[in-house]
Amino acid sequence: MDSEVTLLAQSAGATLVTLMATDAWHRVRDGLAQLWSRTQPERAETVTAELEATHEDVLAAAAAGDQETLDELRLQWQGSVRRLLVARPAAVEELRALLDRLDPGGAAARQVTQHATASGQGRVYQAGRDQHIAER
């Protein structure tokens, strides 16, 4: 189950941060606040405050084109979600249902910005979400 939890946490981190910069922000905040209220009520208020702070950071980073900060925020929420799921395994299905409601097609989790630079005779190939540089 550990790899399942890790993959779900990765997806959640990407989805949450991506959606924080959209009109879905309020649904993200409310859904996560409810999840934490049911699973770790002692942390719910803190998590809600962290969501608000992250929302502001996401908006600022998105406006500035600061991909590094957005990546850090994704990792931060990935860690928070993973710790929740490890502590409360019963929350796995609830989180899946929440992510399905927030992002039915899973597009937000797949939305990845990548940059690659090739010089000389190099070519850039892209397969899925990974980019590889191959020299001829």
N, C-alpha and C. Protein backbone atom coordinates (compact mmCIF):
# COMPACT_ATOMS: atom_id res chain seq x y z
N MET A 1 0.82 -1.20 0.00
CA MET A 1 0.00 0.00 0.00
C MET A 1 0.86 1.26 0.00
N ASP A 2 2.11 1.16 0.43
CA ASP A 2 2.96 2.34 0.52
C ASP A 2 3.12 3.02 -0.84
N SER A 3 3.35 2.25 -1.90
CA SER A 3 3.49 2.87 -3.22
C SER A 3 2.16 3.46 -3.69
N GLU A 4 1.06 2.82 -3.33
CA GLU A 4 -0.26 3.36 -3.67
C GLU A 4 -0.48 4.70 -2.97
N VAL A 5 -0.10 4.78 -1.70
CA VAL A 5 -0.23 6.02 -0.95
C VAL A 5 0.67 7.10 -1.53
N THR A 6 1.87 6.74 -1.90
CA THR A 6 2.80 7.70 -2.49
C THR A 6 2.26 8.25 -3.81
N LEU A 7 1.77 7.38 -4.66
CA LEU A 7 1.22 7.84 -5.95
C LEU A 7 -0.01 8.72 -5.74
N LEU A 8 -0.87 8.35 -4.82
CA LEU A 8 -2.05 9.15 -4.54
C LEU A 8 -1.65 10.51 -3.97
N ALA A 9 -0.67 10.53 -3.09
CA ALA A 9 -0.19 11.80 -2.52
C ALA A 9 0.43 12.68 -3.61
N GLN A 10 1.18 12.09 -4.53
CA GLN A 10 1.75 12.86 -5.63
C GLN A 10 0.66 13.49 -6.49
N SER A 11 -0.32 12.69 -6.81
CA SER A 11 -1.44 13.18 -7.61
C SER A 11 -2.18 14.29 -6.86
N ALA A 12 -2.41 14.08 -5.58
CA ALA A 12 -3.12 15.08 -4.77
C ALA A 12 -2.34 16.39 -4.71
N GLY A 13 -1.03 16.32 -4.46
CA GLY A 13 -0.23 17.54 -4.40
C GLY A 13 -0.29 18.33 -5.69
N ALA A 14 -0.16 17.63 -6.81
CA ALA A 14 -0.22 18.31 -8.11
C ALA A 14 -1.60 18.89 -8.38
N THR A 15 -2.63 18.11 -8.11
CA THR A 15 -3.99 18.56 -8.35
C THR A 15 -4.35 19.76 -7.50
N LEU A 16 -4.04 19.67 -6.21
CA LEU A 16 -4.42 20.74 -5.29
C LEU A 16 -3.75 22.06 -5.65
N VAL A 17 -2.46 22.02 -5.89
CA VAL A 17 -1.75 23.26 -6.20
C VAL A 17 -2.20 23.82 -7.54
N THR A 18 -2.40 22.96 -8.52
CA THR A 18 -2.86 23.43 -9.82
C THR A 18 -4.24 24.09 -9.71
N LEU A 19 -5.14 23.46 -8.98
CA LEU A 19 -6.50 23.99 -8.86
C LEU A 19 -6.59 25.22 -7.96
N MET A 20 -5.59 25.43 -7.11
CA MET A 20 -5.59 26.62 -6.25
C MET A 20 -5.51 27.91 -7.06
N ALA A 21 -5.04 27.82 -8.29
CA ALA A 21 -4.92 29.00 -9.14
C ALA A 21 -6.13 29.15 -10.06
N THR A 22 -7.18 28.40 -9.79
CA THR A 22 -8.37 28.43 -10.65
C THR A 22 -9.60 28.79 -9.83
N ASP A 23 -10.74 28.82 -10.51
CA ASP A 23 -12.01 29.07 -9.84
C ASP A 23 -12.40 27.94 -8.89
N ALA A 24 -11.73 26.82 -8.97
CA ALA A 24 -12.03 25.67 -8.10
C ALA A 24 -11.41 25.82 -6.72
N TRP A 25 -10.72 26.91 -6.47
CA TRP A 25 -10.01 27.11 -5.21
C TRP A 25 -10.90 26.87 -3.99
N HIS A 26 -12.09 27.43 -3.97
CA HIS A 26 -12.96 27.30 -2.79
C HIS A 26 -13.37 25.84 -2.56
N ARG A 27 -13.60 25.12 -3.63
CA ARG A 27 -13.94 23.70 -3.49
C ARG A 27 -12.74 22.90 -2.97
N VAL A 28 -11.53 23.28 -3.41
CA VAL A 28 -10.32 22.63 -2.92
C VAL A 28 -10.19 22.86 -1.41
N ARG A 29 -10.29 24.11 -1.01
CA ARG A 29 -10.15 24.46 0.42
C ARG A 29 -11.20 23.74 1.26
N ASP A 30 -12.45 23.84 0.83
CA ASP A 30 -13.53 23.23 1.60
C ASP A 30 -13.40 21.71 1.67
N GLY A 31 -13.06 21.09 0.56
CA GLY A 31 -12.93 19.64 0.52
C GLY A 31 -11.81 19.14 1.41
N LEU A 32 -10.66 19.80 1.35
CA LEU A 32 -9.54 19.37 2.19
C LEU A 32 -9.80 19.66 3.66
N ALA A 33 -10.41 20.79 3.94
CA ALA A 33 -10.74 21.13 5.34
C ALA A 33 -11.68 20.07 5.92
N GLN A 34 -12.66 19.65 5.14
CA GLN A 34 -13.58 18.61 5.60
C GLN A 34 -12.87 17.27 5.78
N LEU A 35 -11.98 16.94 4.85
CA LEU A 35 -11.23 15.69 4.97
C LEU A 35 -10.42 15.68 6.26
N TRP A 36 -9.70 16.74 6.52
CA TRP A 36 -8.89 16.80 7.73
C TRP A 36 -9.78 16.85 8.98
N SER A 37 -10.89 17.53 8.91
CA SER A 37 -11.81 17.58 10.07
C SER A 37 -12.29 16.19 10.46
N ARG A 38 -12.54 15.36 9.47
CA ARG A 38 -13.01 14.01 9.76
C ARG A 38 -11.89 13.06 10.17
N THR A 39 -10.70 13.26 9.65
CA THR A 39 -9.63 12.28 9.87
C THR A 39 -8.64 12.69 10.95
N GLN A 40 -8.35 13.98 11.04
CA GLN A 40 -7.43 14.50 12.06
C GLN A 40 -7.97 15.85 12.56
N PRO A 41 -9.06 15.82 13.31
CA PRO A 41 -9.71 17.06 13.71
C PRO A 41 -8.79 18.02 14.48
N GLU A 42 -7.82 17.48 15.16
CA GLU A 42 -6.89 18.32 15.92
C GLU A 42 -6.00 19.17 15.00
N ARG A 43 -5.89 18.79 13.74
CA ARG A 43 -5.05 19.53 12.78
C ARG A 43 -5.86 20.33 11.77
N ALA A 44 -7.16 20.20 11.78
CA ALA A 44 -8.01 20.80 10.75
C ALA A 44 -7.84 22.31 10.65
N GLU A 45 -7.80 22.99 11.76
CA GLU A 45 -7.67 24.46 11.73
C GLU A 45 -6.32 24.88 11.16
N THR A 46 -5.27 24.18 11.55
CA THR A 46 -3.92 24.47 11.04
C THR A 46 -3.85 24.23 9.54
N VAL A 47 -4.42 23.12 9.09
CA VAL A 47 -4.39 22.78 7.67
C VAL A 47 -5.17 23.83 6.87
N THR A 48 -6.29 24.28 7.38
CA THR A 48 -7.07 25.31 6.68
C THR A 48 -6.25 26.59 6.54
N ALA A 49 -5.54 26.97 7.59
CA ALA A 49 -4.67 28.16 7.51
C ALA A 49 -3.55 27.94 6.51
N GLU A 50 -2.98 26.72 6.46
CA GLU A 50 -1.93 26.41 5.50
C GLU A 50 -2.46 26.47 4.07
N LEU A 51 -3.70 26.03 3.88
CA LEU A 51 -4.32 26.10 2.56
C LEU A 51 -4.46 27.55 2.10
N GLU A 52 -4.89 28.41 3.00
CA GLU A 52 -5.03 29.83 2.66
C GLU A 52 -3.68 30.44 2.28
N ALA A 53 -2.66 30.14 3.08
CA ALA A 53 -1.32 30.66 2.79
C ALA A 53 -0.79 30.12 1.47
N THR A 54 -1.02 28.84 1.23
CA THR A 54 -0.56 28.23 -0.03
C THR A 54 -1.28 28.85 -1.21
N HIS A 55 -2.56 29.12 -1.07
CA HIS A 55 -3.33 29.74 -2.14
C HIS A 55 -2.69 31.07 -2.54
N GLU A 56 -2.35 31.88 -1.56
CA GLU A 56 -1.70 33.18 -1.84
C GLU A 56 -0.36 32.97 -2.52
N ASP A 57 0.41 32.00 -2.04
CA ASP A 57 1.72 31.70 -2.65
C ASP A 57 1.57 31.22 -4.09
N VAL A 58 0.56 30.39 -4.35
CA VAL A 58 0.32 29.87 -5.69
C VAL A 58 -0.02 31.01 -6.64
N LEU A 59 -0.90 31.89 -6.21
CA LEU A 59 -1.28 33.01 -7.07
C LEU A 59 -0.08 33.89 -7.39
N ALA A 60 0.74 34.18 -6.39
CA ALA A 60 1.92 35.02 -6.61
C ALA A 60 2.93 34.31 -7.52
N ALA A 61 3.16 33.04 -7.29
CA ALA A 61 4.12 32.29 -8.11
C ALA A 61 3.63 32.15 -9.55
N ALA A 62 2.34 31.90 -9.71
CA ALA A 62 1.78 31.77 -11.06
C ALA A 62 1.89 33.09 -11.81
N ALA A 63 1.61 34.19 -11.13
CA ALA A 63 1.70 35.51 -11.77
C ALA A 63 3.13 35.84 -12.18
N ALA A 64 4.10 35.37 -11.39
CA ALA A 64 5.50 35.65 -11.66
C ALA A 64 6.14 34.59 -12.56
N GLY A 65 5.40 33.55 -12.89
CA GLY A 65 5.98 32.47 -13.68
C GLY A 65 7.04 31.70 -12.91
N ASP A 66 6.89 31.63 -11.60
CA ASP A 66 7.86 31.00 -10.71
C ASP A 66 7.56 29.51 -10.56
N GLN A 67 8.02 28.72 -11.50
CA GLN A 67 7.76 27.28 -11.51
C GLN A 67 8.41 26.58 -10.32
N GLU A 68 9.56 27.05 -9.89
CA GLU A 68 10.25 26.42 -8.77
C GLU A 68 9.40 26.47 -7.50
N THR A 69 8.79 27.62 -7.23
CA THR A 69 7.93 27.74 -6.05
C THR A 69 6.71 26.84 -6.19
N LEU A 70 6.12 26.81 -7.37
CA LEU A 70 4.96 25.93 -7.58
C LEU A 70 5.33 24.47 -7.35
N ASP A 71 6.50 24.06 -7.82
CA ASP A 71 6.96 22.69 -7.59
C ASP A 71 7.16 22.42 -6.10
N GLU A 72 7.72 23.38 -5.38
CA GLU A 72 7.92 23.23 -3.94
C GLU A 72 6.58 23.10 -3.21
N LEU A 73 5.60 23.88 -3.63
CA LEU A 73 4.28 23.82 -3.00
C LEU A 73 3.61 22.47 -3.29
N ARG A 74 3.79 21.95 -4.49
CA ARG A 74 3.26 20.61 -4.81
C ARG A 74 3.88 19.57 -3.88
N LEU A 75 5.19 19.65 -3.72
CA LEU A 75 5.87 18.70 -2.84
C LEU A 75 5.43 18.85 -1.39
N GLN A 76 5.22 20.08 -0.97
CA GLN A 76 4.76 20.33 0.41
C GLN A 76 3.42 19.64 0.66
N TRP A 77 2.47 19.81 -0.26
CA TRP A 77 1.16 19.19 -0.09
C TRP A 77 1.21 17.70 -0.31
N GLN A 78 2.10 17.25 -1.17
CA GLN A 78 2.29 15.81 -1.34
C GLN A 78 2.70 15.21 0.00
N GLY A 79 3.63 15.84 0.69
CA GLY A 79 4.08 15.34 1.99
C GLY A 79 2.98 15.39 3.03
N SER A 80 2.23 16.46 3.06
CA SER A 80 1.14 16.58 4.04
C SER A 80 0.08 15.51 3.82
N VAL A 81 -0.28 15.31 2.57
CA VAL A 81 -1.30 14.31 2.25
C VAL A 81 -0.78 12.91 2.55
N ARG A 82 0.47 12.66 2.20
CA ARG A 82 1.04 11.33 2.46
C ARG A 82 1.05 11.02 3.96
N ARG A 83 1.45 12.00 4.76
CA ARG A 83 1.46 11.78 6.21
C ARG A 83 0.04 11.51 6.74
N LEU A 84 -0.93 12.22 6.19
CA LEU A 84 -2.32 11.97 6.60
C LEU A 84 -2.73 10.55 6.25
N LEU A 85 -2.42 10.12 5.04
CA LEU A 85 -2.83 8.79 4.60
C LEU A 85 -2.12 7.67 5.35
N VAL A 86 -0.88 7.90 5.71
CA VAL A 86 -0.14 6.91 6.50
C VAL A 86 -0.76 6.81 7.90
N ALA A 87 -1.10 7.96 8.48
CA ALA A 87 -1.69 7.98 9.83
C ALA A 87 -3.13 7.47 9.83
N ARG A 88 -3.85 7.72 8.74
CA ARG A 88 -5.27 7.35 8.65
C ARG A 88 -5.54 6.66 7.30
N PRO A 89 -5.14 5.40 7.17
CA PRO A 89 -5.32 4.69 5.90
C PRO A 89 -6.77 4.69 5.39
N ALA A 90 -7.73 4.80 6.27
CA ALA A 90 -9.13 4.82 5.84
C ALA A 90 -9.45 6.06 5.00
N ALA A 91 -8.59 7.07 5.04
CA ALA A 91 -8.82 8.30 4.29
C ALA A 91 -8.47 8.16 2.81
N VAL A 92 -7.85 7.06 2.41
CA VAL A 92 -7.45 6.88 1.01
C VAL A 92 -8.66 6.99 0.08
N GLU A 93 -9.70 6.26 0.36
CA GLU A 93 -10.88 6.28 -0.52
C GLU A 93 -11.56 7.65 -0.50
N GLU A 94 -11.59 8.28 0.66
CA GLU A 94 -12.21 9.60 0.76
C GLU A 94 -11.42 10.62 -0.07
N LEU A 95 -10.09 10.53 -0.02
CA LEU A 95 -9.27 11.44 -0.81
C LEU A 95 -9.46 11.18 -2.30
N ARG A 96 -9.51 9.92 -2.70
CA ARG A 96 -9.76 9.60 -4.12
C ARG A 96 -11.07 10.21 -4.59
N ALA A 97 -12.10 10.07 -3.77
CA ALA A 97 -13.41 10.61 -4.13
C ALA A 97 -13.35 12.14 -4.24
N LEU A 98 -12.63 12.77 -3.33
CA LEU A 98 -12.48 14.22 -3.36
C LEU A 98 -11.75 14.65 -4.64
N LEU A 99 -10.66 13.98 -4.97
CA LEU A 99 -9.92 14.33 -6.18
C LEU A 99 -10.77 14.11 -7.43
N ASP A 100 -11.57 13.05 -7.44
CA ASP A 100 -12.46 12.80 -8.58
C ASP A 100 -13.50 13.91 -8.72
N ARG A 101 -13.99 14.43 -7.59
CA ARG A 101 -14.95 15.54 -7.65
C ARG A 101 -14.29 16.83 -8.08
N LEU A 102 -13.07 17.09 -7.59
CA LEU A 102 -12.38 18.33 -7.90
C LEU A 102 -11.85 18.35 -9.33
N ASP A 103 -11.37 17.21 -9.80
CA ASP A 103 -10.71 17.12 -11.10
C ASP A 103 -11.10 15.81 -11.77
N PRO A 104 -12.34 15.72 -12.28
CA PRO A 104 -12.87 14.45 -12.78
C PRO A 104 -11.99 13.74 -13.80
N GLY A 105 -11.37 14.43 -14.70
CA GLY A 105 -10.55 13.78 -15.71
C GLY A 105 -9.10 13.61 -15.31
N GLY A 106 -8.72 14.14 -14.17
CA GLY A 106 -7.34 14.06 -13.71
C GLY A 106 -6.40 14.97 -14.47
N ALA A 107 -6.94 15.95 -15.20
CA ALA A 107 -6.11 16.83 -16.02
C ALA A 107 -5.16 17.68 -15.19
N ALA A 108 -5.59 18.13 -14.01
CA ALA A 108 -4.74 19.00 -13.19
C ALA A 108 -3.48 18.27 -12.74
N ALA A 109 -3.60 17.01 -12.38
CA ALA A 109 -2.44 16.25 -11.92
C ALA A 109 -1.46 16.00 -13.06
N ARG A 110 -1.96 15.93 -14.29
CA ARG A 110 -1.08 15.68 -15.43
C ARG A 110 -0.49 16.96 -16.00
N GLN A 111 -0.95 18.10 -15.53
CA GLN A 111 -0.49 19.38 -16.06
C GLN A 111 0.90 19.66 -15.50
N VAL A 112 1.90 19.45 -16.30
CA VAL A 112 3.28 19.63 -15.88
C VAL A 112 3.98 20.53 -16.88
N THR A 113 4.67 21.54 -16.39
CA THR A 113 5.44 22.41 -17.25
C THR A 113 6.88 21.93 -17.21
N GLN A 114 7.46 21.73 -18.38
CA GLN A 114 8.83 21.25 -18.45
C GLN A 114 9.62 22.12 -19.40
N HIS A 115 10.89 22.22 -19.11
CA HIS A 115 11.79 23.00 -19.95
C HIS A 115 12.99 22.12 -20.28
N ALA A 116 13.44 22.18 -21.51
CA ALA A 116 14.62 21.43 -21.92
C ALA A 116 15.42 22.29 -22.87
N THR A 117 16.71 22.17 -22.80
CA THR A 117 17.59 22.93 -23.68
C THR A 117 18.53 21.94 -24.35
N ALA A 118 18.68 22.07 -25.65
CA ALA A 118 19.60 21.22 -26.38
C ALA A 118 20.54 22.13 -27.17
N SER A 119 21.77 21.69 -27.27
CA SER A 119 22.73 22.48 -28.04
C SER A 119 23.46 21.55 -29.00
N GLY A 120 24.13 22.13 -29.97
CA GLY A 120 24.88 21.33 -30.94
C GLY A 120 23.94 20.51 -31.78
N GLN A 121 24.20 19.23 -31.87
CA GLN A 121 23.42 18.32 -32.69
C GLN A 121 22.31 17.64 -31.90
N GLY A 122 22.03 18.09 -30.69
CA GLY A 122 21.04 17.44 -29.83
C GLY A 122 19.62 17.60 -30.33
N ARG A 123 18.80 16.67 -29.96
CA ARG A 123 17.37 16.72 -30.26
C ARG A 123 16.62 16.47 -28.96
N VAL A 124 15.46 17.07 -28.85
CA VAL A 124 14.63 16.86 -27.67
C VAL A 124 13.47 15.97 -28.05
N TYR A 125 13.31 14.89 -27.31
CA TYR A 125 12.20 13.97 -27.51
C TYR A 125 11.33 14.02 -26.28
N GLN A 126 10.04 13.93 -26.47
CA GLN A 126 9.14 13.91 -25.33
C GLN A 126 8.25 12.68 -25.42
N ALA A 127 8.17 11.96 -24.33
CA ALA A 127 7.30 10.79 -24.24
C ALA A 127 6.52 10.90 -22.95
N GLY A 128 5.23 11.12 -23.05
CA GLY A 128 4.43 11.28 -21.84
C GLY A 128 4.83 12.53 -21.11
N ARG A 129 5.19 12.40 -19.84
CA ARG A 129 5.53 13.55 -19.03
C ARG A 129 7.04 13.74 -18.92
N ASP A 130 7.83 12.82 -19.43
CA ASP A 130 9.28 12.91 -19.30
C ASP A 130 9.89 13.45 -20.57
N GLN A 131 10.97 14.20 -20.42
CA GLN A 131 11.70 14.65 -21.59
C GLN A 131 13.12 14.09 -21.52
N HIS A 132 13.59 13.65 -22.65
CA HIS A 132 14.94 13.08 -22.73
C HIS A 132 15.69 13.82 -23.82
N ILE A 133 16.96 14.01 -23.61
CA ILE A 133 17.80 14.63 -24.63
C ILE A 133 18.71 13.53 -25.18
N ALA A 134 18.62 13.31 -26.47
CA ALA A 134 19.43 12.29 -27.10
C ALA A 134 20.35 12.95 -28.12
N GLU A 135 21.61 12.61 -28.09
CA GLU A 135 22.58 13.14 -29.03
C GLU A 135 22.75 12.16 -30.18
N ARG A 136 22.90 12.67 -31.38
CA ARG A 136 23.17 11.82 -32.56
C ARG A 136 24.60 12.00 -32.96
